[in-house]
Amino acid sequence: MDASAALRDFFHPIDPAEIAAAVAETRRLVGTTERASAFARLLPWATLGTLITADALRKGQVTIARQGRPLPLEMVGVGANGLAPEAVQALCDQGASLVLDHVDKQVPAIAAMNAIVERYLRCDTHTNAYASFNRESAFKAHFDGHNVLILQLQGRKRWWCYGQKVRFPLKGQTFSTLDDLPPPEWEGVLEPGDMLYIPRGDVHRAMVEGPQSLHLTVTMTPPTGADVLTRLGQKLLHEEIGRAYLPVLGDATDHAAHQAALRAAFHQLVETFDIDAFLAEADRDRAPCRPFSLGLSQAISHDTRVQPALRRRVPIAALEARHGALSDAERAVLALLLAEDSLTVQQLADSLPGQDTHSAVETLARRALVFLFADL
């Protein structure tokens, strides 16, 4: 699959094919982009501040931590009257870190970036944000049960990577000390605009270099063989033997007959399994991001940048089967966006003469099938 223009531009001069190769080969990758300003616009400090609320802290969407341990809400000034910002600021000054889980659900620019990554790498994603202060780290040395793409937005952070202690782990593990770890395989400082890809199982830790640091971790989870079995189990429900109850009250003869029938059904499913068909079905099942747009008549201009909210490149017919019929102009706009990933309204109009692209974009936005950005 060719790299999308939007992803290639976002990581310039790093070719997204390098990231894809690192994912496929289960190896670490570090690189420097020329896109520090674009990285910073994903989550400005001012936007970050609006996400730190008493409700978010109570729900666990935001955590204030030191050395991997979440601090009690009482320590961060969360009480009956809401949040005490001065208490949070004081803890940050003392070296606490802010962790924002699933920040892509709160920040459309990050959700749109995730969608581009998913369309290229065919993996499920979510993104967390980490703001660290005064040479402290939110977590001790650990490995994750998923692949991680780290984007440095603000400040500088030093990373140590120790290699894979466990191949393809399902869960992460934290190390209280470094005694059980070998010397680091790689050590380096990430500057704004830098990226680091860490495959699951690769032990790593980090420390702020300077007064503060802000980075994103994009969790990337491709499907596994176990996911294939889950899908096959769903297909088995289309067969009578798959829907039938096991003969728990039967005798040995009943058990043997049912067992033979199930084995035959399993065998048929396995023999007819096709990985390309499985991936295509998984693509169709991955729901769009569903961004929310208001004030569209005032918001859309020739310079408005439009990005698809779909997290996979799927046939338009498959999309219509789930979200209803589209007009010819809407189909044309969405097909072009899926091919190009990101275009302005003017670029859409130039590429689709004779189509009412402005109205098509407005309708697609109302149906939560595209993102709209005034400036990217």
Foldseek 3Di string as FASTA:
>chain_A
DAQFPVVVVQQPPDGVVVVLVCQVVQHKDKDFHPNLVVLQVQAPPVNVVVCDWLVCVVVVQKFKAFAQHGDDPVQQQQDPVIGDVVSVVVVQQVKIKMKGWQCCLVGVSVLLVLLSVCAVNVWDKGKMKMKTFDFTFNYAWKFALFKKKKAWRAAKKKKFWQAAPDPNDNGMDGDPDCPPTDHTPDIDMDHRRMMMIHGTRTIMTMTGDDGMTMMMIMTTGHDDPVVVVVVLLVVLCVDPLSVDDQPPVDDPVSNVVSVVVVVVSVVVSVVPDDVVVVSLVVLLPQDFSQDADPPLVVQADQAKKKFFRRSHDHQVVSVCVPQNDDDPLLNLLVNVRSRNGMDGLNVSCVVDPPHPNSVSRVVCNNSSGMDIDNDD
